[in-house]
Amino acid sequence: MPSPKALKPKRDINQLPRKKAVFFLLSVYPIKTEVIKPNTDLAKTIADSLYAANLTPRDGDVIAISAKVVSFSEGNLIRLEGIRPSSLAYSLANKYSLPPEFVEAILAEADEVLGGVSGALLTIKNNIIVANAGLDLSNAPPGYAIPWPKDPKSSCEKLRKKLRELLKADICTMITDSKVHPLRLGSTSIALAVSGFQPVEDLRGSQDLFGKTIKIKRMALADALACAAQLVMGEARESCPAALIRGISLKRVNSSFSTEMTISKDECLYLKNLKPSFD
């Protein structure tokens, strides 16, 4: 058994160089709106809802918006009636207990199908591992499925520009959606696109508490904020398709991001090691 001396850090923690402590109070406010309809002016609806709730946006605030609502407002819906499922769609539908028309829609949206479980296909869409290629039947009109926005980055950038004009504040935007994670029960949320701030903080090269150099860690700031927003936006009939996040210091940039937040299959801890099982 190692001696207490062997367990002692190489450097006394109290002697390590300390950065000036930064304290902040993170606040997340739900933005409740009317039911969004196709071709709704989403930016104006969000701005009106903020003012109705006596929420005055400030420079640096982040507005998180549901991907489904963005697609809905853009008229991006998939009508399932009339879809003619292929033999592959019928096969997968039978294997995974899904409507064949819905499966055919998933096949059209997905970049790759990896497998599935009862009720869902495991797919890759925009270099993100996600159920059903991001398609959703919940909160969609009967007979329709809602996909992700056709171009999340472009949609996010357009919303930011219009919201900045309407709100007279230098805000940031991000488009979010829920997803599940390997061997974890329940869903969290991720950012499909971000506009106005750096979505990932690269910690490589910095030092930890014991003076060791961090080699691989990067902090997914946008995904963490998406999870915070999900807590007030909900997943069912809350009618809160957006949230305002305030109080976090971010690296502001006049750029937008989407696939830039992903990594290659060869870099992915899960996919690189499990991929042979899908073949």
Protein backbone atom coordinates (compact mmCIF):
# COMPACT_ATOMS: atom_id res chain seq x y z
CA MET A 1 0.00 0.00 0.00
CA PRO A 2 1.48 3.40 -0.96
CA SER A 3 2.79 5.49 1.89
CA PRO A 4 1.16 8.87 2.64
CA LYS A 5 4.30 10.46 1.26
CA ALA A 6 3.82 8.73 -2.11
CA LEU A 7 0.27 10.09 -2.37
CA LYS A 8 1.31 13.67 -1.68
CA PRO A 9 1.18 15.97 -4.74
CA LYS A 10 4.51 16.94 -6.22
CA ARG A 11 3.68 20.56 -5.40
CA ASP A 12 1.81 21.88 -2.42
CA ILE A 13 -1.64 23.04 -3.58
CA ASN A 14 -1.29 26.18 -1.49
CA GLN A 15 1.89 27.07 -3.40
CA LEU A 16 0.37 26.64 -6.87
CA PRO A 17 -0.11 29.83 -8.90
CA ARG A 18 -3.72 30.92 -8.59
CA LYS A 19 -5.82 32.76 -11.11
CA LYS A 20 -8.01 35.56 -9.86
CA ALA A 21 -11.31 33.98 -8.86
CA VAL A 22 -14.23 34.76 -11.16
CA PHE A 23 -17.74 34.47 -9.74
CA PHE A 24 -20.92 34.75 -11.74
CA LEU A 25 -24.61 34.08 -11.25
CA LEU A 26 -26.01 32.14 -14.18
CA SER A 27 -29.67 32.91 -14.81
CA VAL A 28 -31.94 31.12 -17.28
CA TYR A 29 -35.34 32.59 -18.16
CA PRO A 30 -38.05 30.70 -20.09
CA ILE A 31 -39.49 32.48 -23.12
CA LYS A 32 -43.10 31.41 -23.36
CA THR A 33 -44.78 32.06 -26.72
CA GLU A 34 -47.97 31.42 -28.58
CA VAL A 35 -48.09 28.21 -30.58
CA ILE A 36 -45.65 28.64 -33.48
CA LYS A 37 -47.10 28.06 -36.93
CA PRO A 38 -45.42 27.56 -40.30
CA ASN A 39 -43.98 30.79 -41.73
CA THR A 40 -44.21 32.56 -38.34
CA ASP A 41 -41.77 35.44 -37.87
CA LEU A 42 -39.90 33.64 -35.10
CA ALA A 43 -37.54 36.46 -34.18
CA LYS A 44 -40.42 38.92 -33.75
CA THR A 45 -42.40 36.35 -31.74
CA ILE A 46 -39.46 35.85 -29.37
CA ALA A 47 -38.86 39.59 -29.05
CA ASP A 48 -42.56 40.24 -28.29
CA SER A 49 -42.58 37.44 -25.70
CA LEU A 50 -39.50 38.87 -23.97
CA TYR A 51 -41.05 42.30 -23.66
CA ALA A 52 -44.37 40.81 -22.50
CA ALA A 53 -42.45 39.05 -19.72
CA ASN A 54 -40.65 42.30 -18.78
CA LEU A 55 -37.31 40.78 -19.78
CA THR A 56 -34.97 43.37 -21.25
CA PRO A 57 -32.13 41.68 -23.14
CA ARG A 58 -28.58 42.83 -22.46
CA ASP A 59 -25.37 42.67 -24.44
CA GLY A 60 -23.87 39.20 -24.01
CA ASP A 61 -27.15 37.40 -23.33
CA VAL A 62 -27.63 34.10 -25.16
CA ILE A 63 -31.01 33.12 -26.60
CA ALA A 64 -31.44 29.36 -27.04
CA ILE A 65 -34.12 28.29 -29.50
CA SER A 66 -35.60 24.84 -30.12
CA ALA A 67 -34.58 23.30 -33.43
CA LYS A 68 -38.13 22.02 -33.98
CA VAL A 69 -39.59 25.49 -33.61
CA VAL A 70 -37.02 26.91 -36.03
CA SER A 71 -37.93 24.26 -38.61
CA PHE A 72 -41.64 24.76 -38.00
CA SER A 73 -41.39 28.52 -38.45
CA GLU A 74 -39.46 27.96 -41.69
CA GLY A 75 -42.21 25.67 -42.99
CA ASN A 76 -39.83 22.73 -42.92
CA LEU A 77 -42.21 19.82 -42.24
CA ILE A 78 -42.34 16.32 -43.69
CA ARG A 79 -45.78 15.00 -44.64
CA LEU A 80 -45.78 11.28 -43.97
CA GLU A 81 -48.95 10.48 -45.89
CA GLY A 82 -48.04 9.69 -49.46
CA ILE A 83 -44.50 8.52 -48.70
CA ARG A 84 -43.88 5.19 -50.39
CA PRO A 85 -41.56 3.17 -48.12
CA SER A 86 -38.78 1.18 -49.71
CA SER A 87 -38.09 -2.48 -48.94
CA LEU A 88 -35.30 -1.33 -46.61
CA ALA A 89 -37.73 0.95 -44.78
CA TYR A 90 -40.20 -1.90 -44.33
CA SER A 91 -37.43 -4.17 -43.06
CA LEU A 92 -36.17 -1.63 -40.51
CA ALA A 93 -39.72 -0.69 -39.50
CA ASN A 94 -40.53 -4.31 -38.76
CA LYS A 95 -37.26 -4.85 -36.88
CA TYR A 96 -37.48 -1.72 -34.73
CA SER A 97 -41.28 -1.30 -34.37
CA LEU A 98 -41.58 1.96 -36.29
CA PRO A 99 -44.05 3.21 -38.92
CA PRO A 100 -42.52 2.44 -42.35
CA GLU A 101 -43.33 5.93 -43.69
CA PHE A 102 -41.47 7.47 -40.75
CA VAL A 103 -38.52 5.15 -41.35
CA GLU A 104 -38.40 6.16 -45.03
CA ALA A 105 -38.31 9.81 -43.95
CA ILE A 106 -35.46 9.01 -41.56
CA LEU A 107 -33.52 7.27 -44.34
CA ALA A 108 -33.91 10.37 -46.51
CA GLU A 109 -32.62 12.66 -43.73
CA ALA A 110 -29.86 10.50 -42.27
CA ASP A 111 -26.27 10.55 -43.49
CA GLU A 112 -25.80 7.05 -42.09
CA VAL A 113 -27.86 4.44 -40.20
CA LEU A 114 -25.91 2.53 -37.56
CA GLY A 115 -28.61 0.33 -36.02
CA GLY A 116 -31.47 0.80 -33.61
CA VAL A 117 -33.63 -0.30 -30.70
CA SER A 118 -37.39 -0.69 -30.45
CA GLY A 119 -38.86 2.70 -31.31
CA ALA A 120 -35.74 4.43 -32.64
CA LEU A 121 -32.99 4.20 -35.25
CA LEU A 122 -29.43 5.16 -34.38
CA THR A 123 -28.21 7.50 -37.09
CA ILE A 124 -25.61 10.08 -38.01
CA LYS A 125 -26.88 13.47 -39.17
CA ASN A 126 -24.57 16.45 -39.74
CA ASN A 127 -21.80 14.43 -38.08
CA ILE A 128 -23.88 14.04 -34.90
CA ILE A 129 -24.97 10.65 -33.57
CA VAL A 130 -28.68 11.07 -32.93
CA ALA A 131 -31.93 9.11 -32.86
CA ASN A 132 -34.01 9.10 -36.04
CA ALA A 133 -31.80 11.63 -37.86
CA GLY A 134 -33.30 14.35 -35.67
CA LEU A 135 -36.86 13.74 -36.92
CA ASP A 136 -39.58 14.02 -34.32
CA LEU A 137 -43.26 13.14 -34.21
CA SER A 138 -43.92 14.84 -30.87
CA ASN A 139 -45.23 18.42 -31.03
CA ALA A 140 -45.76 17.93 -34.75
CA PRO A 141 -49.16 18.16 -36.44
CA PRO A 142 -50.85 14.77 -36.98
CA GLY A 143 -49.42 13.07 -40.05
CA TYR A 144 -46.22 15.12 -40.06
CA ALA A 145 -42.66 14.82 -38.76
CA ILE A 146 -40.40 17.75 -37.91
CA PRO A 147 -36.76 17.52 -39.04
CA TRP A 148 -33.82 19.68 -38.04
CA PRO A 149 -33.48 22.99 -39.88
CA LYS A 150 -32.07 22.49 -43.36
CA ASP A 151 -29.10 24.74 -42.59
CA PRO A 152 -28.84 25.20 -38.78
CA LYS A 153 -25.88 27.58 -38.99
CA SER A 154 -27.57 29.87 -41.49
CA SER A 155 -30.83 29.83 -39.52
CA CYS A 156 -29.00 30.63 -36.29
CA GLU A 157 -27.11 33.52 -37.87
CA LYS A 158 -30.25 35.00 -39.42
CA LEU A 159 -32.09 34.81 -36.08
CA ARG A 160 -29.22 36.53 -34.29
CA LYS A 161 -29.08 39.37 -36.80
CA LYS A 162 -32.82 39.98 -36.67
CA LEU A 163 -33.03 39.65 -32.88
CA ARG A 164 -30.18 42.14 -32.46
CA GLU A 165 -32.13 44.64 -34.55
CA LEU A 166 -35.40 44.05 -32.71
CA LEU A 167 -33.95 43.93 -29.20
CA LYS A 168 -31.31 46.66 -29.62
CA ALA A 169 -28.80 44.43 -27.80
CA ASP A 170 -25.71 42.53 -28.91
CA ILE A 171 -27.10 39.08 -28.09
CA CYS A 172 -25.93 35.61 -29.15
CA THR A 173 -28.12 32.78 -30.41
CA MET A 174 -28.03 29.01 -30.53
CA ILE A 175 -30.31 26.31 -31.90
CA THR A 176 -30.76 23.32 -29.60
CA ASP A 177 -32.25 19.85 -29.61
CA SER A 178 -32.45 16.97 -27.16
CA LYS A 179 -30.52 13.73 -27.50
CA VAL A 180 -29.59 10.66 -25.50
CA HIS A 181 -26.09 9.54 -24.53
CA PRO A 182 -24.57 6.03 -24.40
CA LEU A 183 -25.67 4.04 -21.34
CA ARG A 184 -27.39 7.05 -19.77
CA LEU A 185 -31.10 7.13 -18.92
CA GLY A 186 -32.99 10.17 -20.20
CA SER A 187 -32.20 12.97 -22.59
CA THR A 188 -30.10 16.10 -22.36
CA SER A 189 -29.60 18.81 -24.95
CA ILE A 190 -26.96 19.89 -27.47
CA ALA A 191 -26.34 22.94 -29.62
CA LEU A 192 -26.83 22.27 -33.33
CA ALA A 193 -25.61 25.75 -34.20
CA VAL A 194 -24.25 28.82 -32.44
CA SER A 195 -23.86 32.45 -33.51
CA GLY A 196 -21.91 35.13 -31.68
CA PHE A 197 -19.64 33.20 -29.32
CA GLN A 198 -17.02 30.47 -29.31
CA PRO A 199 -18.95 27.24 -28.57
CA VAL A 200 -15.95 25.21 -27.36
CA GLU A 201 -13.20 26.23 -24.95
CA ASP A 202 -9.89 24.52 -25.67
CA LEU A 203 -8.21 23.64 -22.36
CA ARG A 204 -5.27 21.80 -23.92
CA GLY A 205 -1.95 23.18 -22.78
CA SER A 206 -3.31 24.65 -19.56
CA GLN A 207 -2.45 23.20 -16.16
CA ASP A 208 -4.61 21.36 -13.66
CA LEU A 209 -4.63 21.82 -9.89
CA PHE A 210 -1.46 19.77 -9.52
CA GLY A 211 0.47 21.49 -12.28
CA LYS A 212 -0.02 18.72 -14.86
CA THR A 213 -0.53 19.81 -18.48
CA ILE A 214 -4.00 19.08 -19.86
CA LYS A 215 -3.61 17.16 -23.12
CA ILE A 216 -7.05 16.42 -24.61
CA LYS A 217 -9.81 18.23 -22.72
CA ARG A 218 -12.06 20.73 -24.45
CA MET A 219 -15.14 22.17 -22.75
CA ALA A 220 -18.37 22.05 -24.77
CA LEU A 221 -19.73 25.40 -23.57
CA ALA A 222 -22.60 25.58 -26.04
CA ASP A 223 -23.82 22.08 -25.18
CA ALA A 224 -23.65 22.89 -21.46
CA LEU A 225 -25.72 26.04 -22.02
CA ALA A 226 -28.18 24.02 -24.13
CA CYS A 227 -28.70 21.70 -21.15
CA ALA A 228 -29.30 24.69 -18.88
CA ALA A 229 -31.88 26.04 -21.32
CA GLN A 230 -33.60 22.65 -21.56
CA LEU A 231 -34.42 22.81 -17.84
CA VAL A 232 -36.82 25.72 -18.41
CA MET A 233 -37.86 25.00 -22.01
CA GLY A 234 -39.11 21.49 -21.25
CA GLU A 235 -39.88 18.65 -23.65
CA ALA A 236 -43.67 18.37 -23.75
CA ARG A 237 -46.43 21.01 -23.85
CA GLU A 238 -44.76 23.85 -21.96
CA SER A 239 -44.93 26.27 -24.95
CA CYS A 240 -41.46 27.55 -24.05
CA PRO A 241 -39.55 27.12 -27.32
CA ALA A 242 -36.74 29.44 -26.26
CA ALA A 243 -34.77 30.59 -23.23
CA LEU A 244 -32.63 33.58 -22.34
CA ILE A 245 -29.33 32.77 -20.61
CA ARG A 246 -27.51 35.49 -18.70
CA GLY A 247 -24.45 35.76 -16.48
CA ILE A 248 -21.74 33.68 -18.18
CA SER A 249 -18.57 35.13 -19.65
CA LEU A 250 -18.08 33.91 -23.21
CA LYS A 251 -15.55 34.66 -25.93
CA ARG A 252 -17.59 36.82 -28.27
CA VAL A 253 -17.00 36.49 -32.00
CA ASN A 254 -18.83 37.70 -35.08
CA SER A 255 -19.08 34.18 -36.48
CA SER A 256 -21.42 31.20 -36.55
CA PHE A 257 -20.69 27.52 -35.97
CA SER A 258 -22.32 24.14 -36.59
CA THR A 259 -20.29 21.19 -37.90
CA GLU A 260 -17.22 22.99 -36.53
CA MET A 261 -18.35 21.70 -33.11
CA THR A 262 -17.99 18.05 -34.18
CA ILE A 263 -15.02 15.71 -34.57
CA SER A 264 -14.18 12.96 -37.05
CA LYS A 265 -15.15 9.33 -36.56
CA ASP A 266 -11.51 8.43 -36.00
CA GLU A 267 -11.34 10.91 -33.11
CA CYS A 268 -14.60 9.74 -31.53
CA LEU A 269 -14.05 7.54 -28.48
CA TYR A 270 -17.37 5.75 -28.97
CA LEU A 271 -17.65 5.40 -32.72
CA LYS A 272 -14.07 4.40 -33.38
CA ASN A 273 -14.29 1.53 -30.91
CA LEU A 274 -17.88 0.39 -31.54
CA LYS A 275 -18.09 0.88 -35.32
CA PRO A 276 -17.11 -2.74 -36.17
CA SER A 277 -20.20 -3.91 -34.28
CA PHE A 278 -22.46 -2.02 -36.71
CA ASP A 279 -20.96 -3.52 -39.87
